[in-house]
Amino acid sequence: MAVFPDNPVRGWLWPAAGFTAWHLVPLAAGGAGSRRTAALLGGAALIGVGYGWVAFGTRSVIPVIGPHTVIDASGVRAAQTIWLGHPAR
């Protein structure tokens, strides 16, 4: 967005694709099945496109930091179960 402020493909959609691809990392670590993988990647793609649209439109990532933090925090218990073998206490 900062590097390509007038190019929606490079400044918005390409970073959204990277955001989606980044979510393959925890899926690979957890050994998720194909149905779960598709659902999580689909959700990440929707969130990435939405956050990208807001960031591209406002020319700032600040408006999406709060919502991203809340959504990430909602997965802490699942991540601990997958990586540590037990849920958060």
PDB file of N, CA and C in Angstrom:
ATOM      1  N   MET A   1       0.818  -1.176   0.000  1.00  0.00           N
ATOM      2  CA  MET A   1       0.000   0.000   0.000  1.00  0.00           C
ATOM      3  C   MET A   1       0.877   1.261   0.000  1.00  0.00           C
ATOM      4  N   ALA A   2       1.888   1.282   0.825  1.00  0.00           N
ATOM      5  CA  ALA A   2       2.757   2.459   0.875  1.00  0.00           C
ATOM      6  C   ALA A   2       3.644   2.548  -0.366  1.00  0.00           C
ATOM      7  N   VAL A   3       4.047   1.419  -0.885  1.00  0.00           N
ATOM      8  CA  VAL A   3       4.936   1.407  -2.037  1.00  0.00           C
ATOM      9  C   VAL A   3       4.162   1.617  -3.336  1.00  0.00           C
ATOM     10  N   PHE A   4       2.942   1.100  -3.404  1.00  0.00           N
ATOM     11  CA  PHE A   4       2.111   1.207  -4.607  1.00  0.00           C
ATOM     12  C   PHE A   4       0.762   1.845  -4.266  1.00  0.00           C
ATOM     13  N   PRO A   5       0.741   3.103  -3.862  1.00  0.00           N
ATOM     14  CA  PRO A   5      -0.506   3.715  -3.391  1.00  0.00           C
ATOM     15  C   PRO A   5      -1.580   3.885  -4.464  1.00  0.00           C
ATOM     16  N   ASP A   6      -1.204   3.866  -5.723  1.00  0.00           N
ATOM     17  CA  ASP A   6      -2.187   4.060  -6.793  1.00  0.00           C
ATOM     18  C   ASP A   6      -2.447   2.790  -7.599  1.00  0.00           C
ATOM     19  N   ASN A   7      -1.941   1.663  -7.131  1.00  0.00           N
ATOM     20  CA  ASN A   7      -2.109   0.404  -7.848  1.00  0.00           C
ATOM     21  C   ASN A   7      -2.826  -0.588  -6.926  1.00  0.00           C
ATOM     22  N   PRO A   8      -4.134  -0.793  -7.121  1.00  0.00           N
ATOM     23  CA  PRO A   8      -4.863  -1.676  -6.216  1.00  0.00           C
ATOM     24  C   PRO A   8      -4.409  -3.133  -6.244  1.00  0.00           C
ATOM     25  N   VAL A   9      -3.874  -3.589  -7.359  1.00  0.00           N
ATOM     26  CA  VAL A   9      -3.409  -4.974  -7.403  1.00  0.00           C
ATOM     27  C   VAL A   9      -2.155  -5.131  -6.541  1.00  0.00           C
ATOM     28  N   ARG A  10      -1.185  -4.271  -6.740  1.00  0.00           N
ATOM     29  CA  ARG A  10       0.068  -4.367  -5.970  1.00  0.00           C
ATOM     30  C   ARG A  10      -0.047  -3.804  -4.556  1.00  0.00           C
ATOM     31  N   GLY A  11      -0.900  -2.836  -4.350  1.00  0.00           N
ATOM     32  CA  GLY A  11      -1.007  -2.211  -3.038  1.00  0.00           C
ATOM     33  C   GLY A  11      -2.073  -2.793  -2.146  1.00  0.00           C
ATOM     34  N   TRP A  12      -2.987  -3.595  -2.713  1.00  0.00           N
ATOM     35  CA  TRP A  12      -4.083  -4.134  -1.915  1.00  0.00           C
ATOM     36  C   TRP A  12      -4.228  -5.644  -2.100  1.00  0.00           C
ATOM     37  N   LEU A  13      -4.423  -6.106  -3.323  1.00  0.00           N
ATOM     38  CA  LEU A  13      -4.726  -7.512  -3.549  1.00  0.00           C
ATOM     39  C   LEU A  13      -3.514  -8.427  -3.395  1.00  0.00           C
ATOM     40  N   TRP A  14      -2.359  -7.983  -3.842  1.00  0.00           N
ATOM     41  CA  TRP A  14      -1.161  -8.810  -3.685  1.00  0.00           C
ATOM     42  C   TRP A  14      -0.800  -8.987  -2.206  1.00  0.00           C
ATOM     43  N   PRO A  15      -0.825  -7.925  -1.383  1.00  0.00           N
ATOM     44  CA  PRO A  15      -0.617  -8.134   0.054  1.00  0.00           C
ATOM     45  C   PRO A  15      -1.698  -9.023   0.688  1.00  0.00           C
ATOM     46  N   ALA A  16      -2.937  -8.928   0.206  1.00  0.00           N
ATOM     47  CA  ALA A  16      -4.001  -9.801   0.727  1.00  0.00           C
ATOM     48  C   ALA A  16      -3.695 -11.263   0.406  1.00  0.00           C
ATOM     49  N   ALA A  17      -3.139 -11.517  -0.768  1.00  0.00           N
ATOM     50  CA  ALA A  17      -2.742 -12.883  -1.129  1.00  0.00           C
ATOM     51  C   ALA A  17      -1.616 -13.366  -0.212  1.00  0.00           C
ATOM     52  N   GLY A  18      -0.671 -12.479   0.102  1.00  0.00           N
ATOM     53  CA  GLY A  18       0.396 -12.830   1.039  1.00  0.00           C
ATOM     54  C   GLY A  18      -0.137 -13.103   2.435  1.00  0.00           C
ATOM     55  N   PHE A  19      -1.109 -12.312   2.875  1.00  0.00           N
ATOM     56  CA  PHE A  19      -1.761 -12.511   4.169  1.00  0.00           C
ATOM     57  C   PHE A  19      -2.403 -13.899   4.213  1.00  0.00           C
ATOM     58  N   THR A  20      -3.056 -14.264   3.128  1.00  0.00           N
ATOM     59  CA  THR A  20      -3.701 -15.573   3.045  1.00  0.00           C
ATOM     60  C   THR A  20      -2.657 -16.684   3.075  1.00  0.00           C
ATOM     61  N   ALA A  21      -1.619 -16.549   2.271  1.00  0.00           N
ATOM     62  CA  ALA A  21      -0.576 -17.572   2.206  1.00  0.00           C
ATOM     63  C   ALA A  21       0.133 -17.740   3.547  1.00  0.00           C
ATOM     64  N   TRP A  22       0.307 -16.654   4.285  1.00  0.00           N
ATOM     65  CA  TRP A  22       0.972 -16.731   5.588  1.00  0.00           C
ATOM     66  C   TRP A  22       0.224 -17.672   6.523  1.00  0.00           C
ATOM     67  N   HIS A  23      -1.078 -17.797   6.359  1.00  0.00           N
ATOM     68  CA  HIS A  23      -1.872 -18.651   7.236  1.00  0.00           C
ATOM     69  C   HIS A  23      -1.705 -20.137   6.923  1.00  0.00           C
ATOM     70  N   LEU A  24      -0.927 -20.464   5.906  1.00  0.00           N
ATOM     71  CA  LEU A  24      -0.559 -21.857   5.677  1.00  0.00           C
ATOM     72  C   LEU A  24       0.417 -22.355   6.737  1.00  0.00           C
ATOM     73  N   VAL A  25       1.192 -21.447   7.335  1.00  0.00           N
ATOM     74  CA  VAL A  25       2.211 -21.828   8.316  1.00  0.00           C
ATOM     75  C   VAL A  25       1.593 -22.530   9.520  1.00  0.00           C
ATOM     76  N   PRO A  26       0.615 -21.919  10.228  1.00  0.00           N
ATOM     77  CA  PRO A  26       0.049 -22.637  11.370  1.00  0.00           C
ATOM     78  C   PRO A  26      -0.725 -23.885  10.954  1.00  0.00           C
ATOM     79  N   LEU A  27      -1.310 -23.872   9.767  1.00  0.00           N
ATOM     80  CA  LEU A  27      -2.021 -25.063   9.302  1.00  0.00           C
ATOM     81  C   LEU A  27      -1.059 -26.209   9.057  1.00  0.00           C
ATOM     82  N   ALA A  28       0.084 -25.912   8.473  1.00  0.00           N
ATOM     83  CA  ALA A  28       1.088 -26.948   8.229  1.00  0.00           C
ATOM     84  C   ALA A  28       1.631 -27.494   9.543  1.00  0.00           C
ATOM     85  N   ALA A  29       1.823 -26.613  10.519  1.00  0.00           N
ATOM     86  CA  ALA A  29       2.346 -27.042  11.821  1.00  0.00           C
ATOM     87  C   ALA A  29       1.344 -27.914  12.560  1.00  0.00           C
ATOM     88  N   GLY A  30       0.053 -27.624  12.376  1.00  0.00           N
ATOM     89  CA  GLY A  30      -0.977 -28.378  13.080  1.00  0.00           C
ATOM     90  C   GLY A  30      -1.457 -29.610  12.342  1.00  0.00           C
ATOM     91  N   GLY A  31      -1.033 -29.795  11.114  1.00  0.00           N
ATOM     92  CA  GLY A  31      -1.454 -30.956  10.346  1.00  0.00           C
ATOM     93  C   GLY A  31      -2.945 -30.966  10.052  1.00  0.00           C
ATOM     94  N   ALA A  32      -3.502 -29.829   9.699  1.00  0.00           N
ATOM     95  CA  ALA A  32      -4.940 -29.731   9.449  1.00  0.00           C
ATOM     96  C   ALA A  32      -5.341 -30.513   8.206  1.00  0.00           C
ATOM     97  N   GLY A  33      -6.571 -31.022   8.223  1.00  0.00           N
ATOM     98  CA  GLY A  33      -7.120 -31.728   7.073  1.00  0.00           C
ATOM     99  C   GLY A  33      -7.505 -30.763   5.963  1.00  0.00           C
ATOM    100  N   SER A  34      -7.795 -31.284   4.783  1.00  0.00           N
ATOM    101  CA  SER A  34      -8.053 -30.431   3.630  1.00  0.00           C
ATOM    102  C   SER A  34      -9.312 -29.580   3.791  1.00  0.00           C
ATOM    103  N   ARG A  35     -10.363 -30.098   4.414  1.00  0.00           N
ATOM    104  CA  ARG A  35     -11.579 -29.312   4.607  1.00  0.00           C
ATOM    105  C   ARG A  35     -11.305 -28.132   5.551  1.00  0.00           C
ATOM    106  N   ARG A  36     -10.616 -28.398   6.628  1.00  0.00           N
ATOM    107  CA  ARG A  36     -10.281 -27.332   7.583  1.00  0.00           C
ATOM    108  C   ARG A  36      -9.327 -26.327   6.946  1.00  0.00           C
ATOM    109  N   THR A  37      -8.375 -26.809   6.183  1.00  0.00           N
ATOM    110  CA  THR A  37      -7.424 -25.931   5.510  1.00  0.00           C
ATOM    111  C   THR A  37      -8.147 -24.983   4.570  1.00  0.00           C
ATOM    112  N   ALA A  38      -9.063 -25.517   3.770  1.00  0.00           N
ATOM    113  CA  ALA A  38      -9.801 -24.683   2.822  1.00  0.00           C
ATOM    114  C   ALA A  38     -10.642 -23.642   3.557  1.00  0.00           C
ATOM    115  N   ALA A  39     -11.278 -24.026   4.638  1.00  0.00           N
ATOM    116  CA  ALA A  39     -12.111 -23.087   5.398  1.00  0.00           C
ATOM    117  C   ALA A  39     -11.263 -21.986   6.022  1.00  0.00           C
ATOM    118  N   LEU A  40     -10.141 -22.350   6.623  1.00  0.00           N
ATOM    119  CA  LEU A  40      -9.283 -21.343   7.253  1.00  0.00           C
ATOM    120  C   LEU A  40      -8.650 -20.418   6.224  1.00  0.00           C
ATOM    121  N   LEU A  41      -8.223 -20.964   5.108  1.00  0.00           N
ATOM    122  CA  LEU A  41      -7.635 -20.110   4.071  1.00  0.00           C
ATOM    123  C   LEU A  41      -8.690 -19.206   3.444  1.00  0.00           C
ATOM    124  N   GLY A  42      -9.902 -19.709   3.288  1.00  0.00           N
ATOM    125  CA  GLY A  42     -10.991 -18.874   2.777  1.00  0.00           C
ATOM    126  C   GLY A  42     -11.289 -17.727   3.716  1.00  0.00           C
ATOM    127  N   GLY A  43     -11.332 -18.022   5.018  1.00  0.00           N
ATOM    128  CA  GLY A  43     -11.543 -16.965   6.008  1.00  0.00           C
ATOM    129  C   GLY A  43     -10.412 -15.959   6.019  1.00  0.00           C
ATOM    130  N   ALA A  44      -9.177 -16.453   5.948  1.00  0.00           N
ATOM    131  CA  ALA A  44      -8.024 -15.550   5.921  1.00  0.00           C
ATOM    132  C   ALA A  44      -8.052 -14.676   4.675  1.00  0.00           C
ATOM    133  N   ALA A  45      -8.478 -15.252   3.554  1.00  0.00           N
ATOM    134  CA  ALA A  45      -8.561 -14.469   2.313  1.00  0.00           C
ATOM    135  C   ALA A  45      -9.593 -13.350   2.451  1.00  0.00           C
ATOM    136  N   LEU A  46     -10.751 -13.662   3.005  1.00  0.00           N
ATOM    137  CA  LEU A  46     -11.780 -12.632   3.192  1.00  0.00           C
ATOM    138  C   LEU A  46     -11.301 -11.532   4.134  1.00  0.00           C
ATOM    139  N   ILE A  47     -10.678 -11.930   5.225  1.00  0.00           N
ATOM    140  CA  ILE A  47     -10.168 -10.950   6.182  1.00  0.00           C
ATOM    141  C   ILE A  47      -9.055 -10.122   5.534  1.00  0.00           C
ATOM    142  N   GLY A  48      -8.147 -10.776   4.822  1.00  0.00           N
ATOM    143  CA  GLY A  48      -7.056 -10.063   4.157  1.00  0.00           C
ATOM    144  C   GLY A  48      -7.547  -9.060   3.131  1.00  0.00           C
ATOM    145  N   VAL A  49      -8.545  -9.446   2.340  1.00  0.00           N
ATOM    146  CA  VAL A  49      -9.096  -8.528   1.342  1.00  0.00           C
ATOM    147  C   VAL A  49      -9.801  -7.361   2.041  1.00  0.00           C
ATOM    148  N   GLY A  50     -10.538  -7.670   3.106  1.00  0.00           N
ATOM    149  CA  GLY A  50     -11.225  -6.602   3.846  1.00  0.00           C
ATOM    150  C   GLY A  50     -10.259  -5.639   4.514  1.00  0.00           C
ATOM    151  N   TYR A  51      -9.273  -6.189   5.214  1.00  0.00           N
ATOM    152  CA  TYR A  51      -8.277  -5.324   5.852  1.00  0.00           C
ATOM    153  C   TYR A  51      -7.509  -4.529   4.798  1.00  0.00           C
ATOM    154  N   GLY A  52      -7.183  -5.177   3.688  1.00  0.00           N
ATOM    155  CA  GLY A  52      -6.475  -4.488   2.613  1.00  0.00           C
ATOM    156  C   GLY A  52      -7.290  -3.344   2.037  1.00  0.00           C
ATOM    157  N   TRP A  53      -8.586  -3.570   1.885  1.00  0.00           N
ATOM    158  CA  TRP A  53      -9.471  -2.527   1.361  1.00  0.00           C
ATOM    159  C   TRP A  53      -9.484  -1.317   2.292  1.00  0.00           C
ATOM    160  N   VAL A  54      -9.591  -1.572   3.600  1.00  0.00           N
ATOM    161  CA  VAL A  54      -9.584  -0.473   4.574  1.00  0.00           C
ATOM    162  C   VAL A  54      -8.229   0.229   4.563  1.00  0.00           C
ATOM    163  N   ALA A  55      -7.140  -0.532   4.624  1.00  0.00           N
ATOM    164  CA  ALA A  55      -5.801   0.064   4.650  1.00  0.00           C
ATOM    165  C   ALA A  55      -5.508   0.829   3.361  1.00  0.00           C
ATOM    166  N   PHE A  56      -5.898   0.267   2.223  1.00  0.00           N
ATOM    167  CA  PHE A  56      -5.657   0.932   0.944  1.00  0.00           C
ATOM    168  C   PHE A  56      -6.472   2.218   0.857  1.00  0.00           C
ATOM    169  N   GLY A  57      -7.717   2.164   1.327  1.00  0.00           N
ATOM    170  CA  GLY A  57      -8.584   3.342   1.273  1.00  0.00           C
ATOM    171  C   GLY A  57      -8.165   4.455   2.211  1.00  0.00           C
ATOM    172  N   THR A  58      -7.661   4.079   3.392  1.00  0.00           N
ATOM    173  CA  THR A  58      -7.248   5.089   4.376  1.00  0.00           C
ATOM    174  C   THR A  58      -5.769   5.432   4.265  1.00  0.00           C
ATOM    175  N   ARG A  59      -5.027   4.643   3.485  1.00  0.00           N
ATOM    176  CA  ARG A  59      -3.576   4.794   3.342  1.00  0.00           C
ATOM    177  C   ARG A  59      -2.851   4.565   4.677  1.00  0.00           C
ATOM    178  N   SER A  60      -3.450   3.710   5.519  1.00  0.00           N
ATOM    179  CA  SER A  60      -2.852   3.438   6.825  1.00  0.00           C
ATOM    180  C   SER A  60      -3.298   2.067   7.324  1.00  0.00           C
ATOM    181  N   VAL A  61      -2.425   1.376   8.040  1.00  0.00           N
ATOM    182  CA  VAL A  61      -2.798   0.112   8.669  1.00  0.00           C
ATOM    183  C   VAL A  61      -3.376   0.318  10.063  1.00  0.00           C
ATOM    184  N   ILE A  62      -3.303   1.527  10.565  1.00  0.00           N
ATOM    185  CA  ILE A  62      -3.775   1.804  11.925  1.00  0.00           C
ATOM    186  C   ILE A  62      -5.228   1.388  12.143  1.00  0.00           C
ATOM    187  N   PRO A  63      -6.166   1.652  11.213  1.00  0.00           N
ATOM    188  CA  PRO A  63      -7.554   1.242  11.467  1.00  0.00           C
ATOM    189  C   PRO A  63      -7.773  -0.270  11.579  1.00  0.00           C
ATOM    190  N   VAL A  64      -6.852  -1.083  11.075  1.00  0.00           N
ATOM    191  CA  VAL A  64      -7.058  -2.532  11.128  1.00  0.00           C
ATOM    192  C   VAL A  64      -6.253  -3.223  12.227  1.00  0.00           C
ATOM    193  N   ILE A  65      -5.441  -2.489  12.947  1.00  0.00           N
ATOM    194  CA  ILE A  65      -4.631  -3.104  14.010  1.00  0.00           C
ATOM    195  C   ILE A  65      -5.509  -3.664  15.124  1.00  0.00           C
ATOM    196  N   GLY A  66      -6.477  -2.894  15.593  1.00  0.00           N
ATOM    197  CA  GLY A  66      -7.358  -3.350  16.667  1.00  0.00           C
ATOM    198  C   GLY A  66      -8.156  -4.590  16.288  1.00  0.00           C
ATOM    199  N   PRO A  67      -8.891  -4.551  15.164  1.00  0.00           N
ATOM    200  CA  PRO A  67      -9.642  -5.745  14.772  1.00  0.00           C
ATOM    201  C   PRO A  67      -8.746  -6.965  14.529  1.00  0.00           C
ATOM    202  N   HIS A  68      -7.578  -6.754  13.973  1.00  0.00           N
ATOM    203  CA  HIS A  68      -6.669  -7.883  13.729  1.00  0.00           C
ATOM    204  C   HIS A  68      -6.220  -8.488  15.052  1.00  0.00           C
ATOM    205  N   THR A  69      -5.940  -7.663  16.030  1.00  0.00           N
ATOM    206  CA  THR A  69      -5.532  -8.154  17.346  1.00  0.00           C
ATOM    207  C   THR A  69      -6.638  -8.979  17.990  1.00  0.00           C
ATOM    208  N   VAL A  70      -7.874  -8.494  17.898  1.00  0.00           N
ATOM    209  CA  VAL A  70      -9.004  -9.223  18.487  1.00  0.00           C
ATOM    210  C   VAL A  70      -9.195 -10.573  17.794  1.00  0.00           C
ATOM    211  N   ILE A  71      -9.136 -10.592  16.477  1.00  0.00           N
ATOM    212  CA  ILE A  71      -9.308 -11.856  15.748  1.00  0.00           C
ATOM    213  C   ILE A  71      -8.165 -12.813  16.056  1.00  0.00           C
ATOM    214  N   ASP A  72      -6.942 -12.314  16.120  1.00  0.00           N
ATOM    215  CA  ASP A  72      -5.805 -13.182  16.468  1.00  0.00           C
ATOM    216  C   ASP A  72      -5.955 -13.750  17.870  1.00  0.00           C
ATOM    217  N   ALA A  73      -6.402 -12.945  18.802  1.00  0.00           N
ATOM    218  CA  ALA A  73      -6.559 -13.399  20.180  1.00  0.00           C
ATOM    219  C   ALA A  73      -7.609 -14.506  20.283  1.00  0.00           C
ATOM    220  N   SER A  74      -8.560 -14.514  19.378  1.00  0.00           N
ATOM    221  CA  SER A  74      -9.592 -15.546  19.431  1.00  0.00           C
ATOM    222  C   SER A  74      -9.043 -16.928  19.094  1.00  0.00           C
ATOM    223  N   GLY A  75      -7.862 -17.005  18.520  1.00  0.00           N
ATOM    224  CA  GLY A  75      -7.276 -18.296  18.163  1.00  0.00           C
ATOM    225  C   GLY A  75      -6.194 -18.771  19.107  1.00  0.00           C
ATOM    226  N   VAL A  76      -5.980 -18.083  20.214  1.00  0.00           N
ATOM    227  CA  VAL A  76      -4.901 -18.451  21.139  1.00  0.00           C
ATOM    228  C   VAL A  76      -5.116 -19.840  21.717  1.00  0.00           C
ATOM    229  N   ARG A  77      -6.316 -20.153  22.155  1.00  0.00           N
ATOM    230  CA  ARG A  77      -6.593 -21.466  22.752  1.00  0.00           C
ATOM    231  C   ARG A  77      -6.336 -22.584  21.730  1.00  0.00           C
ATOM    232  N   ALA A  78      -6.808 -22.399  20.517  1.00  0.00           N
ATOM    233  CA  ALA A  78      -6.589 -23.422  19.481  1.00  0.00           C
ATOM    234  C   ALA A  78      -5.105 -23.587  19.181  1.00  0.00           C
ATOM    235  N   ALA A  79      -4.376 -22.486  19.090  1.00  0.00           N
ATOM    236  CA  ALA A  79      -2.939 -22.565  18.806  1.00  0.00           C
ATOM    237  C   ALA A  79      -2.198 -23.294  19.921  1.00  0.00           C
ATOM    238  N   GLN A  80      -2.554 -23.013  21.165  1.00  0.00           N
ATOM    239  CA  GLN A  80      -1.881 -23.699  22.272  1.00  0.00           C
ATOM    240  C   GLN A  80      -2.192 -25.187  22.264  1.00  0.00           C
ATOM    241  N   THR A  81      -3.407 -25.538  21.924  1.00  0.00           N
ATOM    242  CA  THR A  81      -3.771 -26.950  21.850  1.00  0.00           C
ATOM    243  C   THR A  81      -2.993 -27.655  20.750  1.00  0.00           C
ATOM    244  N   ILE A  82      -2.883 -27.009  19.599  1.00  0.00           N
ATOM    245  CA  ILE A  82      -2.193 -27.606  18.459  1.00  0.00           C
ATOM    246  C   ILE A  82      -0.698 -27.740  18.738  1.00  0.00           C
ATOM    247  N   TRP A  83      -0.073 -26.676  19.218  1.00  0.00           N
ATOM    248  CA  TRP A  83       1.388 -26.667  19.348  1.00  0.00           C
ATOM    249  C   TRP A  83       1.896 -27.225  20.674  1.00  0.00           C
ATOM    250  N   LEU A  84       1.130 -27.043  21.746  1.00  0.00           N
ATOM    251  CA  LEU A  84       1.597 -27.491  23.056  1.00  0.00           C
ATOM    252  C   LEU A  84       0.900 -28.749  23.547  1.00  0.00           C
ATOM    253  N   GLY A  85      -0.170 -29.131  22.873  1.00  0.00           N
ATOM    254  CA  GLY A  85      -0.859 -30.361  23.253  1.00  0.00           C
ATOM    255  C   GLY A  85      -1.857 -30.189  24.381  1.00  0.00           C
ATOM    256  N   HIS A  86      -2.063 -28.951  24.830  1.00  0.00           N
ATOM    257  CA  HIS A  86      -3.064 -28.715  25.872  1.00  0.00           C
ATOM    258  C   HIS A  86      -3.647 -27.324  25.704  1.00  0.00           C
ATOM    259  N   PRO A  87      -4.907 -27.125  26.089  1.00  0.00           N
ATOM    260  CA  PRO A  87      -5.529 -25.805  25.952  1.00  0.00           C
ATOM    261  C   PRO A  87      -5.004 -24.829  26.991  1.00  0.00           C
ATOM    262  N   ALA A  88      -5.241 -23.556  26.721  1.00  0.00           N
ATOM    263  CA  ALA A  88      -4.866 -22.502  27.682  1.00  0.00           C
ATOM    264  C   ALA A  88      -5.667 -22.665  28.959  1.00  0.00           C
ATOM    265  N   ARG A  89      -5.108 -22.226  30.054  1.00  0.00           N
ATOM    266  CA  ARG A  89      -5.816 -22.308  31.337  1.00  0.00           C
ATOM    267  C   ARG A  89      -6.437 -20.996  31.703  1.00  0.00           C
TER     268      ARG A  89
END
